[in-house]
Amino acid sequence: MPSFGPIIPVLRIFDEYKAKEFYVDFLGCTILFEHRFGENFPLYMGVSLLDCALHLSEHHGDACPGAQIRIRCSDIEQLLSALASKDYKYSKPGKPNATPWQTLEATIADPFGNRLTFVQEK
């Protein structure tokens, strides 16, 4: 059986500025690459936050807006505190929620309706 690497979700975005404001300035992601097929073409961009990689696409058909992804996090309280201190206009993270399946979780929506659920196992 072959080995498999980590999954890299593709999320639909509609505005490069808003995407960078959320993913880079607010979440703290690093831009891995930016690609366009030509001048005035949609953006396809890779970002990472430590071991978590995401691809963001302005291309119609690459992904559906409103997706939800789950991202494992070792210290959700620290993450939410750091994000709250940035005072981002469009997201005010609070406390994580405890779940019946023994995790702490917090969901943060991006400007395009995608939901990123950060999950810490107890």
PDB file of N, CA and C in Angstrom:
ATOM      1  N   MET A   1       0.850  -1.174   0.000  1.00  0.00           N
ATOM      2  CA  MET A   1       0.000   0.000   0.000  1.00  0.00           C
ATOM      3  C   MET A   1       0.902   1.246   0.000  1.00  0.00           C
ATOM      4  N   PRO A   2       0.635   2.216  -0.863  1.00  0.00           N
ATOM      5  CA  PRO A   2       1.449   3.436  -0.868  1.00  0.00           C
ATOM      6  C   PRO A   2       1.197   4.261   0.385  1.00  0.00           C
ATOM      7  N   SER A   3       2.134   5.139   0.697  1.00  0.00           N
ATOM      8  CA  SER A   3       1.928   6.056   1.816  1.00  0.00           C
ATOM      9  C   SER A   3       1.216   7.305   1.302  1.00  0.00           C
ATOM     10  N   PHE A   4       0.600   8.018   2.216  1.00  0.00           N
ATOM     11  CA  PHE A   4      -0.130   9.235   1.862  1.00  0.00           C
ATOM     12  C   PHE A   4       0.358  10.379   2.725  1.00  0.00           C
ATOM     13  N   GLY A   5       0.381  11.572   2.164  1.00  0.00           N
ATOM     14  CA  GLY A   5       0.783  12.761   2.906  1.00  0.00           C
ATOM     15  C   GLY A   5      -0.423  13.470   3.483  1.00  0.00           C
ATOM     16  N   PRO A   6      -0.202  14.625   4.030  1.00  0.00           N
ATOM     17  CA  PRO A   6      -1.321  15.386   4.604  1.00  0.00           C
ATOM     18  C   PRO A   6      -2.269  15.889   3.525  1.00  0.00           C
ATOM     19  N   ILE A   7      -3.515  16.073   3.898  1.00  0.00           N
ATOM     20  CA  ILE A   7      -4.524  16.631   2.999  1.00  0.00           C
ATOM     21  C   ILE A   7      -4.338  18.144   2.941  1.00  0.00           C
ATOM     22  N   ILE A   8      -4.436  18.710   1.734  1.00  0.00           N
ATOM     23  CA  ILE A   8      -4.356  20.162   1.574  1.00  0.00           C
ATOM     24  C   ILE A   8      -5.680  20.628   0.973  1.00  0.00           C
ATOM     25  N   PRO A   9      -6.566  21.193   1.794  1.00  0.00           N
ATOM     26  CA  PRO A   9      -7.855  21.655   1.276  1.00  0.00           C
ATOM     27  C   PRO A   9      -7.692  22.850   0.337  1.00  0.00           C
ATOM     28  N   VAL A  10      -8.589  22.949  -0.631  1.00  0.00           N
ATOM     29  CA  VAL A  10      -8.687  24.115  -1.506  1.00  0.00           C
ATOM     30  C   VAL A  10      -9.958  24.860  -1.106  1.00  0.00           C
ATOM     31  N   LEU A  11      -9.816  26.130  -0.747  1.00  0.00           N
ATOM     32  CA  LEU A  11     -10.956  26.960  -0.346  1.00  0.00           C
ATOM     33  C   LEU A  11     -11.184  28.045  -1.380  1.00  0.00           C
ATOM     34  N   ARG A  12     -12.426  28.335  -1.668  1.00  0.00           N
ATOM     35  CA  ARG A  12     -12.797  29.357  -2.651  1.00  0.00           C
ATOM     36  C   ARG A  12     -12.699  30.729  -2.007  1.00  0.00           C
ATOM     37  N   ILE A  13     -12.068  31.648  -2.700  1.00  0.00           N
ATOM     38  CA  ILE A  13     -11.987  33.050  -2.284  1.00  0.00           C
ATOM     39  C   ILE A  13     -12.473  33.918  -3.440  1.00  0.00           C
ATOM     40  N   PHE A  14     -12.817  35.165  -3.135  1.00  0.00           N
ATOM     41  CA  PHE A  14     -13.332  36.064  -4.169  1.00  0.00           C
ATOM     42  C   PHE A  14     -12.561  37.371  -4.274  1.00  0.00           C
ATOM     43  N   ASP A  15     -11.683  37.637  -3.316  1.00  0.00           N
ATOM     44  CA  ASP A  15     -11.010  38.928  -3.268  1.00  0.00           C
ATOM     45  C   ASP A  15      -9.629  38.731  -2.657  1.00  0.00           C
ATOM     46  N   GLU A  16      -8.604  38.986  -3.453  1.00  0.00           N
ATOM     47  CA  GLU A  16      -7.229  38.781  -3.008  1.00  0.00           C
ATOM     48  C   GLU A  16      -6.906  39.599  -1.760  1.00  0.00           C
ATOM     49  N   TYR A  17      -7.305  40.859  -1.731  1.00  0.00           N
ATOM     50  CA  TYR A  17      -7.001  41.719  -0.583  1.00  0.00           C
ATOM     51  C   TYR A  17      -7.630  41.161   0.702  1.00  0.00           C
ATOM     52  N   LYS A  18      -8.911  40.816   0.641  1.00  0.00           N
ATOM     53  CA  LYS A  18      -9.599  40.281   1.826  1.00  0.00           C
ATOM     54  C   LYS A  18      -9.010  38.941   2.252  1.00  0.00           C
ATOM     55  N   ALA A  19      -8.612  38.123   1.281  1.00  0.00           N
ATOM     56  CA  ALA A  19      -7.999  36.832   1.607  1.00  0.00           C
ATOM     57  C   ALA A  19      -6.684  37.033   2.350  1.00  0.00           C
ATOM     58  N   LYS A  20      -5.842  37.922   1.860  1.00  0.00           N
ATOM     59  CA  LYS A  20      -4.556  38.170   2.527  1.00  0.00           C
ATOM     60  C   LYS A  20      -4.766  38.827   3.890  1.00  0.00           C
ATOM     61  N   GLU A  21      -5.742  39.715   3.991  1.00  0.00           N
ATOM     62  CA  GLU A  21      -6.034  40.352   5.271  1.00  0.00           C
ATOM     63  C   GLU A  21      -6.418  39.300   6.315  1.00  0.00           C
ATOM     64  N   PHE A  22      -7.242  38.329   5.925  1.00  0.00           N
ATOM     65  CA  PHE A  22      -7.694  37.293   6.855  1.00  0.00           C
ATOM     66  C   PHE A  22      -6.611  36.245   7.100  1.00  0.00           C
ATOM     67  N   TYR A  23      -6.132  35.609   6.036  1.00  0.00           N
ATOM     68  CA  TYR A  23      -5.234  34.471   6.199  1.00  0.00           C
ATOM     69  C   TYR A  23      -3.821  34.866   6.620  1.00  0.00           C
ATOM     70  N   VAL A  24      -3.305  35.968   6.114  1.00  0.00           N
ATOM     71  CA  VAL A  24      -1.933  36.378   6.437  1.00  0.00           C
ATOM     72  C   VAL A  24      -1.911  37.307   7.651  1.00  0.00           C
ATOM     73  N   ASP A  25      -2.639  38.418   7.568  1.00  0.00           N
ATOM     74  CA  ASP A  25      -2.571  39.407   8.648  1.00  0.00           C
ATOM     75  C   ASP A  25      -3.237  38.924   9.935  1.00  0.00           C
ATOM     76  N   PHE A  26      -4.415  38.307   9.827  1.00  0.00           N
ATOM     77  CA  PHE A  26      -5.154  37.884  11.015  1.00  0.00           C
ATOM     78  C   PHE A  26      -4.691  36.520  11.530  1.00  0.00           C
ATOM     79  N   LEU A  27      -4.772  35.480  10.680  1.00  0.00           N
ATOM     80  CA  LEU A  27      -4.396  34.143  11.147  1.00  0.00           C
ATOM     81  C   LEU A  27      -2.888  33.963  11.292  1.00  0.00           C
ATOM     82  N   GLY A  28      -2.108  34.728  10.541  1.00  0.00           N
ATOM     83  CA  GLY A  28      -0.657  34.612  10.636  1.00  0.00           C
ATOM     84  C   GLY A  28      -0.043  33.616   9.671  1.00  0.00           C
ATOM     85  N   CYS A  29      -0.764  33.264   8.614  1.00  0.00           N
ATOM     86  CA  CYS A  29      -0.242  32.333   7.614  1.00  0.00           C
ATOM     87  C   CYS A  29       0.892  32.975   6.817  1.00  0.00           C
ATOM     88  N   THR A  30       1.745  32.126   6.290  1.00  0.00           N
ATOM     89  CA  THR A  30       2.812  32.525   5.384  1.00  0.00           C
ATOM     90  C   THR A  30       2.383  32.170   3.964  1.00  0.00           C
ATOM     91  N   ILE A  31       2.610  33.073   3.027  1.00  0.00           N
ATOM     92  CA  ILE A  31       2.296  32.784   1.627  1.00  0.00           C
ATOM     93  C   ILE A  31       3.389  31.876   1.070  1.00  0.00           C
ATOM     94  N   LEU A  32       2.983  30.711   0.560  1.00  0.00           N
ATOM     95  CA  LEU A  32       3.916  29.766  -0.035  1.00  0.00           C
ATOM     96  C   LEU A  32       4.148  30.061  -1.510  1.00  0.00           C
ATOM     97  N   PHE A  33       3.066  30.423  -2.204  1.00  0.00           N
ATOM     98  CA  PHE A  33       3.168  30.751  -3.622  1.00  0.00           C
ATOM     99  C   PHE A  33       1.910  31.504  -4.044  1.00  0.00           C
ATOM    100  N   GLU A  34       2.025  32.231  -5.140  1.00  0.00           N
ATOM    101  CA  GLU A  34       0.891  32.880  -5.802  1.00  0.00           C
ATOM    102  C   GLU A  34       1.020  32.574  -7.284  1.00  0.00           C
ATOM    103  N   HIS A  35      -0.087  32.164  -7.924  1.00  0.00           N
ATOM    104  CA  HIS A  35      -0.037  31.825  -9.341  1.00  0.00           C
ATOM    105  C   HIS A  35      -1.240  32.402 -10.073  1.00  0.00           C
ATOM    106  N   ARG A  36      -0.971  32.943 -11.247  1.00  0.00           N
ATOM    107  CA  ARG A  36      -2.001  33.377 -12.191  1.00  0.00           C
ATOM    108  C   ARG A  36      -1.575  32.883 -13.564  1.00  0.00           C
ATOM    109  N   PHE A  37      -2.544  32.507 -14.395  1.00  0.00           N
ATOM    110  CA  PHE A  37      -2.219  32.044 -15.739  1.00  0.00           C
ATOM    111  C   PHE A  37      -1.841  33.186 -16.663  1.00  0.00           C
ATOM    112  N   GLY A  38      -2.111  34.405 -16.263  1.00  0.00           N
ATOM    113  CA  GLY A  38      -1.775  35.575 -17.059  1.00  0.00           C
ATOM    114  C   GLY A  38      -2.192  36.830 -16.321  1.00  0.00           C
ATOM    115  N   GLU A  39      -1.931  37.971 -16.954  1.00  0.00           N
ATOM    116  CA  GLU A  39      -2.317  39.245 -16.362  1.00  0.00           C
ATOM    117  C   GLU A  39      -3.840  39.332 -16.271  1.00  0.00           C
ATOM    118  N   ASN A  40      -4.332  39.819 -15.166  1.00  0.00           N
ATOM    119  CA  ASN A  40      -5.764  39.970 -14.911  1.00  0.00           C
ATOM    120  C   ASN A  40      -6.508  38.626 -14.918  1.00  0.00           C
ATOM    121  N   PHE A  41      -5.845  37.585 -14.394  1.00  0.00           N
ATOM    122  CA  PHE A  41      -6.450  36.273 -14.215  1.00  0.00           C
ATOM    123  C   PHE A  41      -6.688  36.034 -12.728  1.00  0.00           C
ATOM    124  N   PRO A  42      -7.556  35.089 -12.375  1.00  0.00           N
ATOM    125  CA  PRO A  42      -7.799  34.782 -10.966  1.00  0.00           C
ATOM    126  C   PRO A  42      -6.532  34.254 -10.277  1.00  0.00           C
ATOM    127  N   LEU A  43      -6.488  34.461  -8.978  1.00  0.00           N
ATOM    128  CA  LEU A  43      -5.359  34.045  -8.150  1.00  0.00           C
ATOM    129  C   LEU A  43      -5.558  32.617  -7.636  1.00  0.00           C
ATOM    130  N   TYR A  44      -4.490  31.839  -7.638  1.00  0.00           N
ATOM    131  CA  TYR A  44      -4.414  30.561  -6.936  1.00  0.00           C
ATOM    132  C   TYR A  44      -3.214  30.677  -6.013  1.00  0.00           C
ATOM    133  N   MET A  45      -3.436  30.523  -4.701  1.00  0.00           N
ATOM    134  CA  MET A  45      -2.399  30.839  -3.726  1.00  0.00           C
ATOM    135  C   MET A  45      -2.306  29.740  -2.675  1.00  0.00           C
ATOM    136  N   GLY A  46      -1.088  29.433  -2.263  1.00  0.00           N
ATOM    137  CA  GLY A  46      -0.863  28.496  -1.171  1.00  0.00           C
ATOM    138  C   GLY A  46      -0.415  29.256   0.059  1.00  0.00           C
ATOM    139  N   VAL A  47      -0.977  28.891   1.213  1.00  0.00           N
ATOM    140  CA  VAL A  47      -0.576  29.495   2.486  1.00  0.00           C
ATOM    141  C   VAL A  47      -0.330  28.380   3.494  1.00  0.00           C
ATOM    142  N   SER A  48       0.471  28.699   4.518  1.00  0.00           N
ATOM    143  CA  SER A  48       0.697  27.720   5.573  1.00  0.00           C
ATOM    144  C   SER A  48       0.739  28.410   6.923  1.00  0.00           C
ATOM    145  N   LEU A  49       0.358  27.651   7.917  1.00  0.00           N
ATOM    146  CA  LEU A  49       0.459  28.070   9.312  1.00  0.00           C
ATOM    147  C   LEU A  49       1.097  26.891  10.019  1.00  0.00           C
ATOM    148  N   LEU A  50       2.403  26.984  10.226  1.00  0.00           N
ATOM    149  CA  LEU A  50       3.204  25.870  10.732  1.00  0.00           C
ATOM    150  C   LEU A  50       2.993  24.648   9.842  1.00  0.00           C
ATOM    151  N   ASP A  51       2.446  23.551  10.357  1.00  0.00           N
ATOM    152  CA  ASP A  51       2.284  22.331   9.566  1.00  0.00           C
ATOM    153  C   ASP A  51       0.987  22.286   8.763  1.00  0.00           C
ATOM    154  N   CYS A  52       0.154  23.291   8.877  1.00  0.00           N
ATOM    155  CA  CYS A  52      -1.131  23.319   8.189  1.00  0.00           C
ATOM    156  C   CYS A  52      -0.986  24.099   6.881  1.00  0.00           C
ATOM    157  N   ALA A  53      -1.307  23.448   5.772  1.00  0.00           N
ATOM    158  CA  ALA A  53      -1.247  24.106   4.460  1.00  0.00           C
ATOM    159  C   ALA A  53      -2.651  24.181   3.870  1.00  0.00           C
ATOM    160  N   LEU A  54      -2.935  25.303   3.221  1.00  0.00           N
ATOM    161  CA  LEU A  54      -4.207  25.515   2.531  1.00  0.00           C
ATOM    162  C   LEU A  54      -3.922  26.092   1.160  1.00  0.00           C
ATOM    163  N   HIS A  55      -4.781  25.793   0.214  1.00  0.00           N
ATOM    164  CA  HIS A  55      -4.751  26.456  -1.081  1.00  0.00           C
ATOM    165  C   HIS A  55      -6.015  27.297  -1.190  1.00  0.00           C
ATOM    166  N   LEU A  56      -5.871  28.499  -1.690  1.00  0.00           N
ATOM    167  CA  LEU A  56      -6.972  29.446  -1.833  1.00  0.00           C
ATOM    168  C   LEU A  56      -7.111  29.787  -3.308  1.00  0.00           C
ATOM    169  N   SER A  57      -8.336  29.709  -3.823  1.00  0.00           N
ATOM    170  CA  SER A  57      -8.511  29.885  -5.260  1.00  0.00           C
ATOM    171  C   SER A  57      -9.647  30.845  -5.588  1.00  0.00           C
ATOM    172  N   GLU A  58      -9.354  31.764  -6.506  1.00  0.00           N
ATOM    173  CA  GLU A  58     -10.386  32.633  -7.068  1.00  0.00           C
ATOM    174  C   GLU A  58     -11.034  31.999  -8.298  1.00  0.00           C
ATOM    175  N   HIS A  59     -10.543  30.845  -8.732  1.00  0.00           N
ATOM    176  CA  HIS A  59     -11.055  30.198  -9.936  1.00  0.00           C
ATOM    177  C   HIS A  59     -12.422  29.577  -9.685  1.00  0.00           C
ATOM    178  N   HIS A  60     -13.390  29.947 -10.507  1.00  0.00           N
ATOM    179  CA  HIS A  60     -14.720  29.343 -10.436  1.00  0.00           C
ATOM    180  C   HIS A  60     -14.589  27.853 -10.721  1.00  0.00           C
ATOM    181  N   GLY A  61     -15.173  27.043  -9.881  1.00  0.00           N
ATOM    182  CA  GLY A  61     -15.140  25.604 -10.085  1.00  0.00           C
ATOM    183  C   GLY A  61     -14.064  24.878  -9.305  1.00  0.00           C
ATOM    184  N   ASP A  62     -13.092  25.584  -8.749  1.00  0.00           N
ATOM    185  CA  ASP A  62     -12.059  24.909  -7.953  1.00  0.00           C
ATOM    186  C   ASP A  62     -12.597  24.417  -6.620  1.00  0.00           C
ATOM    187  N   ALA A  63     -13.513  25.141  -6.053  1.00  0.00           N
ATOM    188  CA  ALA A  63     -14.086  24.770  -4.756  1.00  0.00           C
ATOM    189  C   ALA A  63     -15.396  25.533  -4.588  1.00  0.00           C
ATOM    190  N   CYS A  64     -16.215  25.063  -3.679  1.00  0.00           N
ATOM    191  CA  CYS A  64     -17.487  25.734  -3.398  1.00  0.00           C
ATOM    192  C   CYS A  64     -17.335  26.640  -2.189  1.00  0.00           C
ATOM    193  N   PRO A  65     -17.848  27.858  -2.266  1.00  0.00           N
ATOM    194  CA  PRO A  65     -17.802  28.711  -1.078  1.00  0.00           C
ATOM    195  C   PRO A  65     -18.657  28.101   0.026  1.00  0.00           C
ATOM    196  N   GLY A  66     -18.287  28.362   1.253  1.00  0.00           N
ATOM    197  CA  GLY A  66     -19.048  27.858   2.389  1.00  0.00           C
ATOM    198  C   GLY A  66     -18.569  26.514   2.900  1.00  0.00           C
ATOM    199  N   ALA A  67     -17.367  26.113   2.543  1.00  0.00           N
ATOM    200  CA  ALA A  67     -16.819  24.845   3.030  1.00  0.00           C
ATOM    201  C   ALA A  67     -16.483  24.952   4.516  1.00  0.00           C
ATOM    202  N   GLN A  68     -16.383  23.811   5.154  1.00  0.00           N
ATOM    203  CA  GLN A  68     -15.897  23.769   6.529  1.00  0.00           C
ATOM    204  C   GLN A  68     -14.757  22.770   6.594  1.00  0.00           C
ATOM    205  N   ILE A  69     -13.656  23.195   7.202  1.00  0.00           N
ATOM    206  CA  ILE A  69     -12.522  22.294   7.404  1.00  0.00           C
ATOM    207  C   ILE A  69     -12.183  22.267   8.887  1.00  0.00           C
ATOM    208  N   ARG A  70     -11.588  21.175   9.320  1.00  0.00           N
ATOM    209  CA  ARG A  70     -11.180  21.006  10.713  1.00  0.00           C
ATOM    210  C   ARG A  70      -9.662  20.977  10.752  1.00  0.00           C
ATOM    211  N   ILE A  71      -9.091  21.781  11.633  1.00  0.00           N
ATOM    212  CA  ILE A  71      -7.640  21.912  11.735  1.00  0.00           C
ATOM    213  C   ILE A  71      -7.236  21.576  13.166  1.00  0.00           C
ATOM    214  N   ARG A  72      -6.383  20.570  13.314  1.00  0.00           N
ATOM    215  CA  ARG A  72      -5.904  20.216  14.656  1.00  0.00           C
ATOM    216  C   ARG A  72      -5.016  21.322  15.203  1.00  0.00           C
ATOM    217  N   CYS A  73      -5.150  21.561  16.496  1.00  0.00           N
ATOM    218  CA  CYS A  73      -4.428  22.637  17.167  1.00  0.00           C
ATOM    219  C   CYS A  73      -3.994  22.127  18.544  1.00  0.00           C
ATOM    220  N   SER A  74      -2.750  22.356  18.919  1.00  0.00           N
ATOM    221  CA  SER A  74      -2.256  21.837  20.197  1.00  0.00           C
ATOM    222  C   SER A  74      -2.678  22.692  21.391  1.00  0.00           C
ATOM    223  N   ASP A  75      -2.921  23.987  21.190  1.00  0.00           N
ATOM    224  CA  ASP A  75      -3.304  24.876  22.300  1.00  0.00           C
ATOM    225  C   ASP A  75      -4.307  25.906  21.781  1.00  0.00           C
ATOM    226  N   ILE A  76      -5.569  25.532  21.807  1.00  0.00           N
ATOM    227  CA  ILE A  76      -6.618  26.366  21.232  1.00  0.00           C
ATOM    228  C   ILE A  76      -6.806  27.668  22.016  1.00  0.00           C
ATOM    229  N   GLU A  77      -6.631  27.629  23.334  1.00  0.00           N
ATOM    230  CA  GLU A  77      -6.757  28.842  24.150  1.00  0.00           C
ATOM    231  C   GLU A  77      -5.709  29.884  23.737  1.00  0.00           C
ATOM    232  N   GLN A  78      -4.485  29.430  23.537  1.00  0.00           N
ATOM    233  CA  GLN A  78      -3.413  30.332  23.112  1.00  0.00           C
ATOM    234  C   GLN A  78      -3.707  30.917  21.738  1.00  0.00           C
ATOM    235  N   LEU A  79      -4.181  30.072  20.820  1.00  0.00           N
ATOM    236  CA  LEU A  79      -4.536  30.543  19.484  1.00  0.00           C
ATOM    237  C   LEU A  79      -5.615  31.617  19.544  1.00  0.00           C
ATOM    238  N   LEU A  80      -6.693  31.341  20.261  1.00  0.00           N
ATOM    239  CA  LEU A  80      -7.805  32.292  20.327  1.00  0.00           C
ATOM    240  C   LEU A  80      -7.397  33.591  21.009  1.00  0.00           C
ATOM    241  N   SER A  81      -6.562  33.497  22.021  1.00  0.00           N
ATOM    242  CA  SER A  81      -6.069  34.697  22.701  1.00  0.00           C
ATOM    243  C   SER A  81      -5.231  35.552  21.750  1.00  0.00           C
ATOM    244  N   ALA A  82      -4.338  34.900  21.006  1.00  0.00           N
ATOM    245  CA  ALA A  82      -3.493  35.628  20.044  1.00  0.00           C
ATOM    246  C   ALA A  82      -4.346  36.286  18.962  1.00  0.00           C
ATOM    247  N   LEU A  83      -5.362  35.579  18.465  1.00  0.00           N
ATOM    248  CA  LEU A  83      -6.225  36.151  17.434  1.00  0.00           C
ATOM    249  C   LEU A  83      -7.057  37.302  17.987  1.00  0.00           C
ATOM    250  N   ALA A  84      -7.581  37.155  19.202  1.00  0.00           N
ATOM    251  CA  ALA A  84      -8.381  38.227  19.808  1.00  0.00           C
ATOM    252  C   ALA A  84      -7.557  39.488  20.008  1.00  0.00           C
ATOM    253  N   SER A  85      -6.278  39.338  20.308  1.00  0.00           N
ATOM    254  CA  SER A  85      -5.419  40.506  20.536  1.00  0.00           C
ATOM    255  C   SER A  85      -5.175  41.310  19.263  1.00  0.00           C
ATOM    256  N   LYS A  86      -5.412  40.711  18.104  1.00  0.00           N
ATOM    257  CA  LYS A  86      -5.214  41.419  16.832  1.00  0.00           C
ATOM    258  C   LYS A  86      -6.365  42.367  16.521  1.00  0.00           C
ATOM    259  N   ASP A  87      -7.474  42.215  17.219  1.00  0.00           N
ATOM    260  CA  ASP A  87      -8.637  43.095  17.055  1.00  0.00           C
ATOM    261  C   ASP A  87      -9.042  43.238  15.588  1.00  0.00           C
ATOM    262  N   TYR A  88      -9.143  42.106  14.909  1.00  0.00           N
ATOM    263  CA  TYR A  88      -9.576  42.054  13.511  1.00  0.00           C
ATOM    264  C   TYR A  88     -11.052  42.446  13.458  1.00  0.00           C
ATOM    265  N   LYS A  89     -11.366  43.368  12.617  1.00  0.00           N
ATOM    266  CA  LYS A  89     -12.703  43.948  12.536  1.00  0.00           C
ATOM    267  C   LYS A  89     -13.809  42.925  12.305  1.00  0.00           C
ATOM    268  N   TYR A  90     -13.528  41.872  11.547  1.00  0.00           N
ATOM    269  CA  TYR A  90     -14.578  40.961  11.106  1.00  0.00           C
ATOM    270  C   TYR A  90     -14.664  39.648  11.885  1.00  0.00           C
ATOM    271  N   SER A  91     -13.816  39.476  12.897  1.00  0.00           N
ATOM    272  CA  SER A  91     -13.878  38.246  13.698  1.00  0.00           C
ATOM    273  C   SER A  91     -13.382  38.541  15.102  1.00  0.00           C
ATOM    274  N   LYS A  92     -14.177  38.169  16.066  1.00  0.00           N
ATOM    275  CA  LYS A  92     -13.841  38.366  17.479  1.00  0.00           C
ATOM    276  C   LYS A  92     -13.896  37.012  18.181  1.00  0.00           C
ATOM    277  N   PRO A  93     -12.818  36.225  18.094  1.00  0.00           N
ATOM    278  CA  PRO A  93     -12.822  34.888  18.689  1.00  0.00           C
ATOM    279  C   PRO A  93     -13.066  34.938  20.195  1.00  0.00           C
ATOM    280  N   GLY A  94     -13.852  33.990  20.666  1.00  0.00           N
ATOM    281  CA  GLY A  94     -14.148  33.894  22.092  1.00  0.00           C
ATOM    282  C   GLY A  94     -13.501  32.661  22.681  1.00  0.00           C
ATOM    283  N   LYS A  95     -14.249  31.986  23.525  1.00  0.00           N
ATOM    284  CA  LYS A  95     -13.768  30.771  24.187  1.00  0.00           C
ATOM    285  C   LYS A  95     -14.100  29.548  23.318  1.00  0.00           C
ATOM    286  N   PRO A  96     -13.289  28.490  23.434  1.00  0.00           N
ATOM    287  CA  PRO A  96     -13.608  27.263  22.706  1.00  0.00           C
ATOM    288  C   PRO A  96     -14.779  26.537  23.363  1.00  0.00           C
ATOM    289  N   ASN A  97     -15.425  25.709  22.593  1.00  0.00           N
ATOM    290  CA  ASN A  97     -16.538  24.898  23.082  1.00  0.00           C
ATOM    291  C   ASN A  97     -16.068  23.474  23.324  1.00  0.00           C
ATOM    292  N   ALA A  98     -16.488  22.895  24.440  1.00  0.00           N
ATOM    293  CA  ALA A  98     -16.218  21.485  24.717  1.00  0.00           C
ATOM    294  C   ALA A  98     -17.267  20.655  23.988  1.00  0.00           C
ATOM    295  N   THR A  99     -16.839  19.544  23.410  1.00  0.00           N
ATOM    296  CA  THR A  99     -17.759  18.690  22.666  1.00  0.00           C
ATOM    297  C   THR A  99     -17.948  17.355  23.392  1.00  0.00           C
ATOM    298  N   PRO A 100     -19.029  16.635  23.079  1.00  0.00           N
ATOM    299  CA  PRO A 100     -19.241  15.305  23.660  1.00  0.00           C
ATOM    300  C   PRO A 100     -18.173  14.294  23.225  1.00  0.00           C
ATOM    301  N   TRP A 101     -17.472  14.566  22.116  1.00  0.00           N
ATOM    302  CA  TRP A 101     -16.446  13.640  21.632  1.00  0.00           C
ATOM    303  C   TRP A 101     -15.054  14.026  22.138  1.00  0.00           C
ATOM    304  N   GLN A 102     -15.011  14.769  23.258  1.00  0.00           N
ATOM    305  CA  GLN A 102     -13.774  15.050  24.003  1.00  0.00           C
ATOM    306  C   GLN A 102     -12.778  15.942  23.258  1.00  0.00           C
ATOM    307  N   THR A 103     -13.286  16.999  22.635  1.00  0.00           N
ATOM    308  CA  THR A 103     -12.411  17.993  22.026  1.00  0.00           C
ATOM    309  C   THR A 103     -12.836  19.381  22.487  1.00  0.00           C
ATOM    310  N   LEU A 104     -11.923  20.317  22.347  1.00  0.00           N
ATOM    311  CA  LEU A 104     -12.247  21.736  22.459  1.00  0.00           C
ATOM    312  C   LEU A 104     -12.215  22.264  21.036  1.00  0.00           C
ATOM    313  N   GLU A 105     -13.238  23.052  20.647  1.00  0.00           N
ATOM    314  CA  GLU A 105     -13.326  23.513  19.268  1.00  0.00           C
ATOM    315  C   GLU A 105     -13.748  24.974  19.195  1.00  0.00           C
ATOM    316  N   ALA A 106     -13.245  25.656  18.182  1.00  0.00           N
ATOM    317  CA  ALA A 106     -13.652  27.030  17.891  1.00  0.00           C
ATOM    318  C   ALA A 106     -13.690  27.190  16.376  1.00  0.00           C
ATOM    319  N   THR A 107     -14.777  27.747  15.882  1.00  0.00           N
ATOM    320  CA  THR A 107     -14.932  27.950  14.445  1.00  0.00           C
ATOM    321  C   THR A 107     -14.833  29.426  14.121  1.00  0.00           C
ATOM    322  N   ILE A 108     -14.029  29.729  13.129  1.00  0.00           N
ATOM    323  CA  ILE A 108     -13.837  31.104  12.665  1.00  0.00           C
ATOM    324  C   ILE A 108     -14.140  31.115  11.173  1.00  0.00           C
ATOM    325  N   ALA A 109     -15.011  32.005  10.745  1.00  0.00           N
ATOM    326  CA  ALA A 109     -15.374  32.105   9.326  1.00  0.00           C
ATOM    327  C   ALA A 109     -14.459  33.093   8.620  1.00  0.00           C
ATOM    328  N   ASP A 110     -14.070  32.741   7.408  1.00  0.00           N
ATOM    329  CA  ASP A 110     -13.294  33.678   6.595  1.00  0.00           C
ATOM    330  C   ASP A 110     -14.275  34.612   5.866  1.00  0.00           C
ATOM    331  N   PRO A 111     -13.782  35.621   5.168  1.00  0.00           N
ATOM    332  CA  PRO A 111     -14.674  36.584   4.504  1.00  0.00           C
ATOM    333  C   PRO A 111     -15.507  35.994   3.365  1.00  0.00           C
ATOM    334  N   PHE A 112     -15.285  34.727   3.015  1.00  0.00           N
ATOM    335  CA  PHE A 112     -15.949  34.115   1.872  1.00  0.00           C
ATOM    336  C   PHE A 112     -16.938  33.030   2.291  1.00  0.00           C
ATOM    337  N   GLY A 113     -17.205  32.930   3.581  1.00  0.00           N
ATOM    338  CA  GLY A 113     -18.161  31.963   4.087  1.00  0.00           C
ATOM    339  C   GLY A 113     -17.577  30.604   4.415  1.00  0.00           C
ATOM    340  N   ASN A 114     -16.272  30.427   4.226  1.00  0.00           N
ATOM    341  CA  ASN A 114     -15.621  29.180   4.628  1.00  0.00           C
ATOM    342  C   ASN A 114     -15.422  29.201   6.134  1.00  0.00           C
ATOM    343  N   ARG A 115     -15.600  28.043   6.766  1.00  0.00           N
ATOM    344  CA  ARG A 115     -15.449  27.949   8.217  1.00  0.00           C
ATOM    345  C   ARG A 115     -14.266  27.076   8.566  1.00  0.00           C
ATOM    346  N   LEU A 116     -13.368  27.652   9.370  1.00  0.00           N
ATOM    347  CA  LEU A 116     -12.202  26.933   9.839  1.00  0.00           C
ATOM    348  C   LEU A 116     -12.450  26.568  11.293  1.00  0.00           C
ATOM    349  N   THR A 117     -12.591  25.272  11.572  1.00  0.00           N
ATOM    350  CA  THR A 117     -12.824  24.809  12.928  1.00  0.00           C
ATOM    351  C   THR A 117     -11.505  24.296  13.479  1.00  0.00           C
ATOM    352  N   PHE A 118     -11.014  24.974  14.495  1.00  0.00           N
ATOM    353  CA  PHE A 118      -9.782  24.586  15.155  1.00  0.00           C
ATOM    354  C   PHE A 118     -10.144  23.608  16.264  1.00  0.00           C
ATOM    355  N   VAL A 119      -9.428  22.482  16.336  1.00  0.00           N
ATOM    356  CA  VAL A 119      -9.791  21.379  17.217  1.00  0.00           C
ATOM    357  C   VAL A 119      -8.586  20.981  18.075  1.00  0.00           C
ATOM    358  N   GLN A 120      -8.815  20.935  19.386  1.00  0.00           N
ATOM    359  CA  GLN A 120      -7.801  20.423  20.315  1.00  0.00           C
ATOM    360  C   GLN A 120      -8.377  19.206  21.015  1.00  0.00           C
ATOM    361  N   GLU A 121      -7.660  18.109  20.913  1.00  0.00           N
ATOM    362  CA  GLU A 121      -8.111  16.899  21.594  1.00  0.00           C
ATOM    363  C   GLU A 121      -7.724  16.990  23.062  1.00  0.00           C
ATOM    364  N   LYS A 122      -8.649  16.558  23.926  1.00  0.00           N
ATOM    365  CA  LYS A 122      -8.403  16.639  25.372  1.00  0.00           C
ATOM    366  C   LYS A 122      -7.457  15.555  25.819  1.00  0.00           C
TER     367      LYS A 122
END
